[in-house]
C-alpha atoms as a PDB file:
ATOM      1  CA  UNK A   1     -30.076 -25.059  22.590  1.00  0.00           C
ATOM      2  CA  UNK A   2     -27.744 -22.187  23.006  1.00  0.00           C
ATOM      3  CA  UNK A   3     -28.156 -19.797  20.048  1.00  0.00           C
ATOM      4  CA  UNK A   4     -25.869 -17.123  21.028  1.00  0.00           C
ATOM      5  CA  UNK A   5     -23.011 -16.123  19.074  1.00  0.00           C
ATOM      6  CA  UNK A   6     -19.647 -14.886  19.677  1.00  0.00           C
ATOM      7  CA  UNK A   7     -18.319 -11.079  19.130  1.00  0.00           C
ATOM      8  CA  UNK A   8     -16.497 -12.281  16.060  1.00  0.00           C
ATOM      9  CA  UNK A   9     -19.114 -14.676  14.900  1.00  0.00           C
ATOM     10  CA  UNK A  10     -19.881 -14.450  11.138  1.00  0.00           C
ATOM     11  CA  UNK A  11     -22.547 -16.554   9.412  1.00  0.00           C
ATOM     12  CA  UNK A  12     -21.912 -18.150   6.025  1.00  0.00           C
ATOM     13  CA  UNK A  13     -24.402 -19.775   3.669  1.00  0.00           C
ATOM     14  CA  UNK A  14     -23.961 -23.239   2.645  1.00  0.00           C
ATOM     15  CA  UNK A  15     -22.180 -26.203   5.064  1.00  0.00           C
ATOM     16  CA  UNK A  16     -20.075 -25.114   8.334  1.00  0.00           C
ATOM     17  CA  UNK A  17     -17.599 -27.958   8.317  1.00  0.00           C
ATOM     18  CA  UNK A  18     -13.810 -27.759   7.229  1.00  0.00           C
ATOM     19  CA  UNK A  19     -14.160 -30.321   4.597  1.00  0.00           C
ATOM     20  CA  UNK A  20     -16.299 -27.579   2.516  1.00  0.00           C
ATOM     21  CA  UNK A  21     -13.195 -25.178   2.440  1.00  0.00           C
ATOM     22  CA  UNK A  22     -11.261 -24.565  -0.224  1.00  0.00           C
ATOM     23  CA  UNK A  23      -7.399 -25.678   0.186  1.00  0.00           C
ATOM     24  CA  UNK A  24      -4.609 -23.401   1.408  1.00  0.00           C
ATOM     25  CA  UNK A  25      -4.289 -20.395  -1.036  1.00  0.00           C
ATOM     26  CA  UNK A  26      -0.662 -20.271  -2.032  1.00  0.00           C
ATOM     27  CA  UNK A  27       2.046 -18.085  -0.435  1.00  0.00           C
ATOM     28  CA  UNK A  28       1.825 -14.481  -1.456  1.00  0.00           C
ATOM     29  CA  UNK A  29       5.241 -14.016  -3.942  1.00  0.00           C
ATOM     30  CA  UNK A  30       5.700 -17.558  -4.370  1.00  0.00           C
ATOM     31  CA  UNK A  31       5.622 -19.163  -7.962  1.00  0.00           C
ATOM     32  CA  UNK A  32       1.859 -20.592  -8.920  1.00  0.00           C
ATOM     33  CA  UNK A  33       0.784 -23.011 -11.532  1.00  0.00           C
ATOM     34  CA  UNK A  34      -2.168 -22.061 -13.720  1.00  0.00           C
ATOM     35  CA  UNK A  35      -4.766 -24.602 -14.533  1.00  0.00           C
ATOM     36  CA  UNK A  36      -6.472 -22.207 -17.145  1.00  0.00           C
ATOM     37  CA  UNK A  37      -6.087 -19.033 -18.662  1.00  0.00           C
ATOM     38  CA  UNK A  38      -3.217 -17.734 -20.737  1.00  0.00           C
ATOM     39  CA  UNK A  39      -0.720 -19.448 -18.591  1.00  0.00           C
ATOM     40  CA  UNK A  40      -2.019 -23.043 -18.418  1.00  0.00           C
ATOM     41  CA  UNK A  41       0.138 -25.744 -17.161  1.00  0.00           C
ATOM     42  CA  UNK A  42       2.861 -23.038 -16.694  1.00  0.00           C
ATOM     43  CA  UNK A  43       4.387 -21.995 -13.058  1.00  0.00           C
ATOM     44  CA  UNK A  44       4.893 -18.233 -12.959  1.00  0.00           C
ATOM     45  CA  UNK A  45       6.180 -15.849 -10.451  1.00  0.00           C
ATOM     46  CA  UNK A  46       4.755 -12.453 -10.016  1.00  0.00           C
ATOM     47  CA  UNK A  47       6.699  -9.482  -8.183  1.00  0.00           C
ATOM     48  CA  UNK A  48       6.086  -6.084  -7.917  1.00  0.00           C
ATOM     49  CA  UNK A  49       8.727  -2.970  -7.804  1.00  0.00           C
ATOM     50  CA  UNK A  50       7.849   0.826  -7.192  1.00  0.00           C
ATOM     51  CA  UNK A  51       8.918   2.512  -9.786  1.00  0.00           C
ATOM     52  CA  UNK A  52       7.574   5.918  -8.375  1.00  0.00           C
ATOM     53  CA  UNK A  53       5.770   6.435  -5.079  1.00  0.00           C
ATOM     54  CA  UNK A  54       4.164   9.780  -4.127  1.00  0.00           C
ATOM     55  CA  UNK A  55       5.929  12.187  -1.896  1.00  0.00           C
ATOM     56  CA  UNK A  56       3.096  14.510  -0.870  1.00  0.00           C
ATOM     57  CA  UNK A  57      -0.888  15.144  -1.103  1.00  0.00           C
ATOM     58  CA  UNK A  58      -3.424  17.172   0.306  1.00  0.00           C
ATOM     59  CA  UNK A  59      -6.303  16.248   2.163  1.00  0.00           C
ATOM     60  CA  UNK A  60      -8.928  15.712  -0.061  1.00  0.00           C
ATOM     61  CA  UNK A  61     -12.148  17.826   0.176  1.00  0.00           C
ATOM     62  CA  UNK A  62     -15.260  17.688  -2.179  1.00  0.00           C
ATOM     63  CA  UNK A  63     -14.735  20.960  -3.625  1.00  0.00           C
ATOM     64  CA  UNK A  64     -10.616  20.813  -3.630  1.00  0.00           C
ATOM     65  CA  UNK A  65      -9.899  17.241  -4.625  1.00  0.00           C
ATOM     66  CA  UNK A  66      -5.933  16.963  -5.491  1.00  0.00           C
ATOM     67  CA  UNK A  67      -4.499  13.375  -6.302  1.00  0.00           C
ATOM     68  CA  UNK A  68      -1.194  11.791  -4.867  1.00  0.00           C
ATOM     69  CA  UNK A  69       1.537  13.429  -6.544  1.00  0.00           C
ATOM     70  CA  UNK A  70       3.732  12.123  -8.031  1.00  0.00           C
ATOM     71  CA  UNK A  71       1.190   9.305  -9.057  1.00  0.00           C
ATOM     72  CA  UNK A  72       2.358   5.904  -7.782  1.00  0.00           C
ATOM     73  CA  UNK A  73       3.376   3.636 -10.357  1.00  0.00           C
ATOM     74  CA  UNK A  74       4.070  -0.115  -9.778  1.00  0.00           C
ATOM     75  CA  UNK A  75       6.374  -2.236 -12.055  1.00  0.00           C
ATOM     76  CA  UNK A  76       4.976  -5.520 -12.721  1.00  0.00           C
ATOM     77  CA  UNK A  77       7.306  -8.444 -13.361  1.00  0.00           C
ATOM     78  CA  UNK A  78       6.592 -11.981 -14.608  1.00  0.00           C
ATOM     79  CA  UNK A  79       9.055 -14.809 -14.168  1.00  0.00           C
ATOM     80  CA  UNK A  80       8.385 -18.637 -15.625  1.00  0.00           C
ATOM     81  CA  UNK A  81       9.877 -21.025 -13.490  1.00  0.00           C
ATOM     82  CA  UNK A  82      11.645 -24.166 -15.470  1.00  0.00           C
ATOM     83  CA  UNK A  83      12.624 -27.325 -14.042  1.00  0.00           C
ATOM     84  CA  UNK A  84      14.481 -30.047 -15.804  1.00  0.00           C
ATOM     85  CA  UNK A  85      16.587 -32.695 -13.968  1.00  0.00           C
ATOM     86  CA  UNK A  86      16.490 -31.570 -10.651  1.00  0.00           C
ATOM     87  CA  UNK A  87      18.092 -27.860 -11.845  1.00  0.00           C
ATOM     88  CA  UNK A  88      15.351 -24.814 -11.438  1.00  0.00           C
ATOM     89  CA  UNK A  89      16.076 -21.642 -12.987  1.00  0.00           C
ATOM     90  CA  UNK A  90      13.653 -18.365 -14.022  1.00  0.00           C
ATOM     91  CA  UNK A  91      13.305 -16.373 -17.300  1.00  0.00           C
ATOM     92  CA  UNK A  92      11.692 -13.270 -17.510  1.00  0.00           C
ATOM     93  CA  UNK A  93       8.796 -12.950 -19.950  1.00  0.00           C
ATOM     94  CA  UNK A  94       8.479 -10.279 -23.079  1.00  0.00           C
ATOM     95  CA  UNK A  95       5.517  -8.059 -21.828  1.00  0.00           C
ATOM     96  CA  UNK A  96       4.926  -7.626 -25.430  1.00  0.00           C
ATOM     97  CA  UNK A  97       3.668 -10.890 -25.680  1.00  0.00           C
ATOM     98  CA  UNK A  98       1.421 -10.770 -22.450  1.00  0.00           C
ATOM     99  CA  UNK A  99      -2.070 -10.161 -22.580  1.00  0.00           C
ATOM    100  CA  UNK A 100      -2.587  -7.841 -19.605  1.00  0.00           C
ATOM    101  CA  UNK A 101      -6.565  -8.228 -19.602  1.00  0.00           C
ATOM    102  CA  UNK A 102      -7.462  -9.590 -16.393  1.00  0.00           C
ATOM    103  CA  UNK A 103      -4.457  -8.300 -14.406  1.00  0.00           C
ATOM    104  CA  UNK A 104      -5.464  -6.094 -11.375  1.00  0.00           C
ATOM    105  CA  UNK A 105      -3.846  -4.313  -8.406  1.00  0.00           C
ATOM    106  CA  UNK A 106      -5.008  -3.133  -5.688  1.00  0.00           C
ATOM    107  CA  UNK A 107      -3.983  -0.280  -2.490  1.00  0.00           C
ATOM    108  CA  UNK A 108      -4.612  -0.207   0.915  1.00  0.00           C
ATOM    109  CA  UNK A 109      -3.469   2.593   3.323  1.00  0.00           C
ATOM    110  CA  UNK A 110      -1.478   2.209   6.693  1.00  0.00           C
ATOM    111  CA  UNK A 111      -0.292   4.850   8.972  1.00  0.00           C
ATOM    112  CA  UNK A 112       3.253   5.093   9.754  1.00  0.00           C
ATOM    113  CA  UNK A 113       4.963   7.568  12.426  1.00  0.00           C
ATOM    114  CA  UNK A 114       6.228  10.977  11.139  1.00  0.00           C
ATOM    115  CA  UNK A 115       9.561  10.044  11.707  1.00  0.00           C
ATOM    116  CA  UNK A 116       9.408   7.520   8.956  1.00  0.00           C
ATOM    117  CA  UNK A 117       8.796  10.164   6.378  1.00  0.00           C
ATOM    118  CA  UNK A 118      11.646  12.487   7.868  1.00  0.00           C
ATOM    119  CA  UNK A 119      14.389   9.556   7.875  1.00  0.00           C
ATOM    120  CA  UNK A 120      13.294   8.620   4.243  1.00  0.00           C
ATOM    121  CA  UNK A 121      13.601  12.512   3.091  1.00  0.00           C
ATOM    122  CA  UNK A 122      16.707  13.372   4.580  1.00  0.00           C
ATOM    123  CA  UNK A 123      17.948   9.681   3.064  1.00  0.00           C
ATOM    124  CA  UNK A 124      17.009   9.534  -0.455  1.00  0.00           C
ATOM    125  CA  UNK A 125      13.977  10.397  -2.198  1.00  0.00           C
ATOM    126  CA  UNK A 126      12.426   6.535  -2.828  1.00  0.00           C
ATOM    127  CA  UNK A 127      14.153   4.003  -0.663  1.00  0.00           C
ATOM    128  CA  UNK A 128      13.903   0.210  -1.719  1.00  0.00           C
ATOM    129  CA  UNK A 129      10.426  -0.500  -0.227  1.00  0.00           C
ATOM    130  CA  UNK A 130       9.597  -4.060   0.706  1.00  0.00           C
ATOM    131  CA  UNK A 131       8.009  -6.895  -1.300  1.00  0.00           C
ATOM    132  CA  UNK A 132       7.388  -9.445   1.405  1.00  0.00           C
ATOM    133  CA  UNK A 133       5.175  -9.376   4.176  1.00  0.00           C
ATOM    134  CA  UNK A 134       6.198  -9.664   7.991  1.00  0.00           C
ATOM    135  CA  UNK A 135       6.499 -13.171   8.845  1.00  0.00           C
ATOM    136  CA  UNK A 136       6.135 -14.175  12.865  1.00  0.00           C
ATOM    137  CA  UNK A 137       8.431 -17.309  12.796  1.00  0.00           C
ATOM    138  CA  UNK A 138      10.856 -15.202  11.501  1.00  0.00           C
ATOM    139  CA  UNK A 139      13.429 -14.159  14.439  1.00  0.00           C
ATOM    140  CA  UNK A 140      13.613 -10.587  15.146  1.00  0.00           C
ATOM    141  CA  UNK A 141      16.251  -8.623  13.882  1.00  0.00           C
ATOM    142  CA  UNK A 142      18.885  -7.412  16.547  1.00  0.00           C
ATOM    143  CA  UNK A 143      20.354  -4.334  15.188  1.00  0.00           C
ATOM    144  CA  UNK A 144      21.243  -1.352  16.857  1.00  0.00           C
ATOM    145  CA  UNK A 145      18.118   0.769  16.034  1.00  0.00           C
ATOM    146  CA  UNK A 146      15.145  -1.864  16.827  1.00  0.00           C
ATOM    147  CA  UNK A 147      17.254  -3.270  20.049  1.00  0.00           C
ATOM    148  CA  UNK A 148      18.072   0.287  21.728  1.00  0.00           C
ATOM    149  CA  UNK A 149      14.410   1.391  21.475  1.00  0.00           C
ATOM    150  CA  UNK A 150      10.938   0.348  21.798  1.00  0.00           C
ATOM    151  CA  UNK A 151       9.149  -0.917  18.996  1.00  0.00           C
ATOM    152  CA  UNK A 152       5.832   1.447  17.833  1.00  0.00           C
ATOM    153  CA  UNK A 153       2.527   0.337  16.651  1.00  0.00           C
ATOM    154  CA  UNK A 154      -0.796   1.654  16.300  1.00  0.00           C
ATOM    155  CA  UNK A 155      -3.500   0.539  18.518  1.00  0.00           C
ATOM    156  CA  UNK A 156      -6.472  -1.649  17.314  1.00  0.00           C
ATOM    157  CA  UNK A 157      -9.622  -0.363  16.726  1.00  0.00           C
ATOM    158  CA  UNK A 158     -11.438   1.431  18.474  1.00  0.00           C
ATOM    159  CA  UNK A 159      -8.524   4.192  18.447  1.00  0.00           C
ATOM    160  CA  UNK A 160      -8.045   5.432  21.999  1.00  0.00           C
ATOM    161  CA  UNK A 161      -6.602   8.901  22.743  1.00  0.00           C
ATOM    162  CA  UNK A 162      -6.079  11.262  25.831  1.00  0.00           C
ATOM    163  CA  UNK A 163      -8.449  14.125  26.151  1.00  0.00           C
ATOM    164  CA  UNK A 164      -7.618  17.109  27.990  1.00  0.00           C
ATOM    165  CA  UNK A 165      -8.769  15.716  31.374  1.00  0.00           C
ATOM    166  CA  UNK A 166      -6.169  13.045  31.110  1.00  0.00           C
ATOM    167  CA  UNK A 167      -8.840  10.560  30.621  1.00  0.00           C
ATOM    168  CA  UNK A 168      -8.624   7.465  27.648  1.00  0.00           C
ATOM    169  CA  UNK A 169     -11.387   8.921  25.151  1.00  0.00           C
ATOM    170  CA  UNK A 170     -12.464   6.340  22.260  1.00  0.00           C
ATOM    171  CA  UNK A 171     -12.995   7.085  18.643  1.00  0.00           C
ATOM    172  CA  UNK A 172     -15.338   5.067  16.452  1.00  0.00           C
ATOM    173  CA  UNK A 173     -13.534   2.287  14.476  1.00  0.00           C
ATOM    174  CA  UNK A 174     -16.090   3.710  11.292  1.00  0.00           C
ATOM    175  CA  UNK A 175     -14.871   7.265  11.887  1.00  0.00           C
ATOM    176  CA  UNK A 176     -11.853   8.448  10.226  1.00  0.00           C
ATOM    177  CA  UNK A 177      -9.583  10.365  12.245  1.00  0.00           C
ATOM    178  CA  UNK A 178      -8.651  13.782  11.292  1.00  0.00           C
ATOM    179  CA  UNK A 179      -5.201  13.433  12.540  1.00  0.00           C
ATOM    180  CA  UNK A 180      -2.375  11.273  12.760  1.00  0.00           C
ATOM    181  CA  UNK A 181      -3.277   8.576  15.661  1.00  0.00           C
ATOM    182  CA  UNK A 182      -1.550   8.294  18.822  1.00  0.00           C
ATOM    183  CA  UNK A 183       1.770   5.945  18.714  1.00  0.00           C
ATOM    184  CA  UNK A 184       1.408   2.838  20.912  1.00  0.00           C
ATOM    185  CA  UNK A 185       4.912   1.330  22.685  1.00  0.00           C
ATOM    186  CA  UNK A 186       5.869  -2.185  23.143  1.00  0.00           C
ATOM    187  CA  UNK A 187       8.669  -4.450  24.026  1.00  0.00           C
ATOM    188  CA  UNK A 188      10.231  -6.478  21.152  1.00  0.00           C
ATOM    189  CA  UNK A 189       9.240 -10.035  22.951  1.00  0.00           C
ATOM    190  CA  UNK A 190       5.610  -8.529  23.053  1.00  0.00           C
ATOM    191  CA  UNK A 191       4.492  -8.943  19.294  1.00  0.00           C
ATOM    192  CA  UNK A 192       1.024  -7.570  18.535  1.00  0.00           C
ATOM    193  CA  UNK A 193      -1.090 -10.633  16.510  1.00  0.00           C
ATOM    194  CA  UNK A 194      -1.470  -9.024  13.414  1.00  0.00           C
ATOM    195  CA  UNK A 195       1.985  -7.620  12.178  1.00  0.00           C
ATOM    196  CA  UNK A 196       2.231  -7.544   8.693  1.00  0.00           C
ATOM    197  CA  UNK A 197       5.029  -5.603   7.798  1.00  0.00           C
ATOM    198  CA  UNK A 198       7.907  -3.637   9.790  1.00  0.00           C
ATOM    199  CA  UNK A 199       9.445  -0.208   8.801  1.00  0.00           C
ATOM    200  CA  UNK A 200      12.279   0.601  11.057  1.00  0.00           C
ATOM    201  CA  UNK A 201      11.236   0.563  14.689  1.00  0.00           C
ATOM    202  CA  UNK A 202       7.520   0.512  13.763  1.00  0.00           C
ATOM    203  CA  UNK A 203       5.269  -2.284  13.306  1.00  0.00           C
ATOM    204  CA  UNK A 204       2.681  -2.083  10.746  1.00  0.00           C
ATOM    205  CA  UNK A 205      -0.249  -4.164  11.728  1.00  0.00           C
ATOM    206  CA  UNK A 206      -3.420  -4.915   9.686  1.00  0.00           C
ATOM    207  CA  UNK A 207      -6.011  -3.758  12.189  1.00  0.00           C
ATOM    208  CA  UNK A 208      -4.147  -0.255  11.577  1.00  0.00           C
ATOM    209  CA  UNK A 209      -5.472  -0.263   8.129  1.00  0.00           C
ATOM    210  CA  UNK A 210      -7.245   3.204   6.877  1.00  0.00           C
ATOM    211  CA  UNK A 211      -8.148   1.902   2.920  1.00  0.00           C
ATOM    212  CA  UNK A 212     -11.642   3.481   3.591  1.00  0.00           C
ATOM    213  CA  UNK A 213      -9.697   6.967   3.796  1.00  0.00           C
ATOM    214  CA  UNK A 214      -8.799   6.446   0.208  1.00  0.00           C
ATOM    215  CA  UNK A 215     -10.501   8.171  -2.633  1.00  0.00           C
ATOM    216  CA  UNK A 216     -10.552   7.292  -6.223  1.00  0.00           C
ATOM    217  CA  UNK A 217      -9.180   4.339  -8.195  1.00  0.00           C
ATOM    218  CA  UNK A 218      -8.270   1.803  -5.534  1.00  0.00           C
ATOM    219  CA  UNK A 219      -7.969  -0.871  -8.381  1.00  0.00           C
ATOM    220  CA  UNK A 220      -6.261  -0.458 -11.572  1.00  0.00           C
ATOM    221  CA  UNK A 221      -5.064  -2.532 -14.423  1.00  0.00           C
ATOM    222  CA  UNK A 222      -1.966  -2.533 -15.817  1.00  0.00           C
ATOM    223  CA  UNK A 223      -0.547  -0.400 -18.855  1.00  0.00           C
ATOM    224  CA  UNK A 224       2.186  -1.384 -21.304  1.00  0.00           C
ATOM    225  CA  UNK A 225       4.398   1.637 -21.858  1.00  0.00           C
ATOM    226  CA  UNK A 226       7.850   2.269 -23.440  1.00  0.00           C
ATOM    227  CA  UNK A 227      10.263   3.528 -20.472  1.00  0.00           C
ATOM    228  CA  UNK A 228      13.923   4.038 -21.033  1.00  0.00           C
ATOM    229  CA  UNK A 229      14.057   1.866 -23.883  1.00  0.00           C
ATOM    230  CA  UNK A 230      12.106  -1.001 -22.477  1.00  0.00           C
ATOM    231  CA  UNK A 231       8.726  -2.538 -22.807  1.00  0.00           C
ATOM    232  CA  UNK A 232       7.214  -1.984 -19.170  1.00  0.00           C
ATOM    233  CA  UNK A 233       3.664  -3.372 -17.755  1.00  0.00           C
ATOM    234  CA  UNK A 234       2.909  -0.701 -14.948  1.00  0.00           C
ATOM    235  CA  UNK A 235      -0.016  -0.257 -12.515  1.00  0.00           C
ATOM    236  CA  UNK A 236      -0.422   3.785 -12.214  1.00  0.00           C
ATOM    237  CA  UNK A 237      -2.818   5.355  -9.689  1.00  0.00           C
ATOM    238  CA  UNK A 238      -2.980   8.573 -11.066  1.00  0.00           C
ATOM    239  CA  UNK A 239      -6.564   9.381  -9.422  1.00  0.00           C
ATOM    240  CA  UNK A 240      -5.839   8.711  -5.718  1.00  0.00           C
ATOM    241  CA  UNK A 241      -6.276  11.137  -2.609  1.00  0.00           C
ATOM    242  CA  UNK A 242      -6.556  10.607   1.207  1.00  0.00           C
ATOM    243  CA  UNK A 243      -9.028  11.935   3.180  1.00  0.00           C
ATOM    244  CA  UNK A 244      -7.241  12.863   6.102  1.00  0.00           C
ATOM    245  CA  UNK A 245      -3.693  14.412   7.248  1.00  0.00           C
ATOM    246  CA  UNK A 246      -0.773  12.263   7.954  1.00  0.00           C
ATOM    247  CA  UNK A 247       2.277  10.086   7.038  1.00  0.00           C
ATOM    248  CA  UNK A 248       1.248   6.745   5.316  1.00  0.00           C
ATOM    249  CA  UNK A 249       2.357   3.989   3.320  1.00  0.00           C
ATOM    250  CA  UNK A 250       0.690   1.981   0.493  1.00  0.00           C
ATOM    251  CA  UNK A 251       0.156  -1.798   0.084  1.00  0.00           C
ATOM    252  CA  UNK A 252      -0.013  -2.938  -3.200  1.00  0.00           C
ATOM    253  CA  UNK A 253      -1.436  -6.529  -4.025  1.00  0.00           C
ATOM    254  CA  UNK A 254      -1.695  -7.857  -7.804  1.00  0.00           C
ATOM    255  CA  UNK A 255      -4.434 -10.583  -9.057  1.00  0.00           C
ATOM    256  CA  UNK A 256      -5.074 -12.209 -12.056  1.00  0.00           C
ATOM    257  CA  UNK A 257      -8.791 -12.269 -12.072  1.00  0.00           C
ATOM    258  CA  UNK A 258      -9.182 -14.480 -15.746  1.00  0.00           C
ATOM    259  CA  UNK A 259      -7.045 -17.019 -14.581  1.00  0.00           C
ATOM    260  CA  UNK A 260      -7.267 -19.862 -12.269  1.00  0.00           C
ATOM    261  CA  UNK A 261      -4.472 -21.690 -10.145  1.00  0.00           C
ATOM    262  CA  UNK A 262      -3.900 -25.540  -9.420  1.00  0.00           C
ATOM    263  CA  UNK A 263      -6.609 -27.032  -6.134  1.00  0.00           C
ATOM    264  CA  UNK A 264      -7.391 -23.008  -5.772  1.00  0.00           C
ATOM    265  CA  UNK A 265     -10.773 -21.393  -6.036  1.00  0.00           C
ATOM    266  CA  UNK A 266     -10.789 -17.934  -5.767  1.00  0.00           C
ATOM    267  CA  UNK A 267      -7.966 -16.159  -7.187  1.00  0.00           C
ATOM    268  CA  UNK A 268      -4.905 -15.318  -4.338  1.00  0.00           C
ATOM    269  CA  UNK A 269      -2.750 -12.442  -4.294  1.00  0.00           C
ATOM    270  CA  UNK A 270       0.211 -13.379  -6.768  1.00  0.00           C
ATOM    271  CA  UNK A 271       2.461 -10.491  -5.391  1.00  0.00           C
ATOM    272  CA  UNK A 272       2.797  -7.869  -2.459  1.00  0.00           C
ATOM    273  CA  UNK A 273       4.671  -5.029  -1.897  1.00  0.00           C
ATOM    274  CA  UNK A 274       4.907  -1.897   0.787  1.00  0.00           C
ATOM    275  CA  UNK A 275       5.541   1.271  -0.750  1.00  0.00           C
ATOM    276  CA  UNK A 276       7.581   4.171   0.502  1.00  0.00           C
ATOM    277  CA  UNK A 277       5.856   6.984   2.855  1.00  0.00           C
ATOM    278  CA  UNK A 278       4.294  10.167   1.591  1.00  0.00           C
ATOM    279  CA  UNK A 279       2.623  12.996   3.765  1.00  0.00           C
ATOM    280  CA  UNK A 280      -0.489  14.261   3.080  1.00  0.00           C
ATOM    281  CA  UNK A 281      -0.645  17.856   4.242  1.00  0.00           C
ATOM    282  CA  UNK A 282      -3.866  20.184   5.255  1.00  0.00           C
ATOM    283  CA  UNK A 283      -4.577  22.861   2.647  1.00  0.00           C
ATOM    284  CA  UNK A 284      -3.280  25.650   5.018  1.00  0.00           C
ATOM    285  CA  UNK A 285       0.060  23.601   5.356  1.00  0.00           C
ATOM    286  CA  UNK A 286       0.210  22.292   1.912  1.00  0.00           C
ATOM    287  CA  UNK A 287       3.832  23.351   0.366  1.00  0.00           C
ATOM    288  CA  UNK A 288       3.107  23.054  -3.081  1.00  0.00           C
ATOM    289  CA  UNK A 289       3.943  20.713  -5.708  1.00  0.00           C
ATOM    290  CA  UNK A 290       7.135  19.807  -7.637  1.00  0.00           C
ATOM    291  CA  UNK A 291       7.665  19.423 -11.510  1.00  0.00           C
ATOM    292  CA  UNK A 292       6.463  16.185 -12.957  1.00  0.00           C
ATOM    293  CA  UNK A 293       9.004  13.576 -13.229  1.00  0.00           C
ATOM    294  CA  UNK A 294      10.381  11.775 -16.372  1.00  0.00           C
ATOM    295  CA  UNK A 295       8.456   8.915 -15.555  1.00  0.00           C
ATOM    296  CA  UNK A 296       5.274  10.744 -15.077  1.00  0.00           C
ATOM    297  CA  UNK A 297       5.918  12.719 -18.615  1.00  0.00           C
ATOM    298  CA  UNK A 298       6.625   9.235 -20.178  1.00  0.00           C
ATOM    299  CA  UNK A 299       3.130   7.799 -18.808  1.00  0.00           C
ATOM    300  CA  UNK A 300       1.150  10.983 -20.145  1.00  0.00           C
ATOM    301  CA  UNK A 301       3.028  10.351 -23.772  1.00  0.00           C
ATOM    302  CA  UNK A 302       1.843   6.219 -23.603  1.00  0.00           C
ATOM    303  CA  UNK A 303      -1.887   7.840 -22.981  1.00  0.00           C
ATOM    304  CA  UNK A 304      -1.882   7.092 -19.379  1.00  0.00           C
ATOM    305  CA  UNK A 305      -4.178   9.802 -17.608  1.00  0.00           C
ATOM    306  CA  UNK A 306      -1.768  12.089 -15.364  1.00  0.00           C
ATOM    307  CA  UNK A 307      -1.182  15.489 -14.262  1.00  0.00           C
ATOM    308  CA  UNK A 308       1.384  17.127 -16.078  1.00  0.00           C
ATOM    309  CA  UNK A 309       3.273  20.254 -14.649  1.00  0.00           C
ATOM    310  CA  UNK A 310       6.472  21.990 -16.341  1.00  0.00           C
ATOM    311  CA  UNK A 311       7.228  24.124 -13.418  1.00  0.00           C
ATOM    312  CA  UNK A 312       7.052  23.817  -9.439  1.00  0.00           C
ATOM    313  CA  UNK A 313       3.984  25.312  -8.173  1.00  0.00           C
ATOM    314  CA  UNK A 314       4.161  26.626  -4.826  1.00  0.00           C
ATOM    315  CA  UNK A 315       1.074  26.904  -2.293  1.00  0.00           C
ATOM    316  CA  UNK A 316      -0.164  30.488  -1.579  1.00  0.00           C
ATOM    317  CA  UNK A 317       0.214  31.034   2.235  1.00  0.00           C
ATOM    318  CA  UNK A 318      -2.368  32.705   3.942  1.00  0.00           C
ATOM    319  CA  UNK A 319      -1.324  35.835   5.791  1.00  0.00           C
ATOM    320  CA  UNK A 320      -3.313  36.945   8.488  1.00  0.00           C
ATOM    321  CA  UNK A 321      -5.385  40.022   8.739  1.00  0.00           C
ATOM    322  CA  UNK A 322      -4.082  42.697  10.756  1.00  0.00           C
ATOM    323  CA  UNK A 323      -6.776  44.957  12.461  1.00  0.00           C
ATOM    324  CA  UNK A 324      -6.500  48.526  10.938  1.00  0.00           C
ATOM    325  CA  UNK A 325      -5.280  51.098  13.625  1.00  0.00           C
ATOM    326  CA  UNK A 326      -7.591  53.586  15.040  1.00  0.00           C
ATOM    327  CA  UNK A 327      -6.880  57.223  13.893  1.00  0.00           C
END
C-alpha cells in the first residue's frame, strides 16, 4: 500500500468521502435565506461600502506602534429581499432595530504596485472600491489601459528576486519581506489561477496575501453610529498596523456568527469589499499625520476608540550630522 502523500495533502478527521461534505456555500454577495437567528425565514442581502480608507501608516515596531490613519471604516448595509407574483424587490432595513451582536468583519492584506497608489492620489482621495470578486469566467475587459500594457501580479510563494550577482534568490514564505515585492509581468491571455481582484492592470492573487503582516484588531464588531443625520452600522479598524513598508489594499469580509443559513453548515462570508490603497512608510520617510476627518470625530463622539488630532502633525526629519571642521 502506497502511503505517500502529495505536496498539498491535508489530513482531515472523519470519513474522507464527498458525501460527508457540506453543500456548496452561497456566492459572496448574493441574497441568503436564514434558518435561525434574528433573520430566520427571511432572505437578506449583505453589502459593504468603504466610508473611509487609510491613507498612510508607519511601519510597525514594538517600541513605536502607530495604527493606520485615518482608521479604515466600512459601512454594513442590509437589504431584505421580497418576492410576490414573480416580482422581486429589496428594502433596506432600519439599523436601529437590527441586533448587531454576532456580526463580524475580518480584513486581509494584499500588496499592490506603487503606481496604484500614485494614480489614486492624483485622481481623488477615495476612489470607488470594488465590492465584487474577480470572476474567471468573465471576459477580460478590453479598455485601452489594460490592452496596451502587460498585466502585473506578485508571484506565488516562495517569492523570488534577483540578487547582486543576477541569480534568483528565494525568500521563505514564512518570512515577511521588508520591502515591496518584485512585480511579475504576464500577457492578458495567461491569467494566474488564483486571481481574486483586478486593480487597473494589476491582478491581485490569493497567494500574494500578506495578512500575517497585520498587527492589531483584524476582526471587529459593528457599532451603531449617527453620522450626517443617519443611523449607520459601521466596522471601524482603529487599531491596525502593518509590519512592512509598501503599498497595500485591504479586503473586508463580513459574517453572521450567531445565525445559520439554509443547507449551509458553517457561517459563510456574506459580503466582500476590496478597499482603496494606502502606503506604509519607514520611520525616517514617514511624512506625518493629517488632522482627523469629520467621520473620525463623529466615531469618537459615539464612543468608538480612535485617535483624534486637531492639527496636522509633520514628521521631524533627521538631518545628517556634519563632522566638525578641524582647526
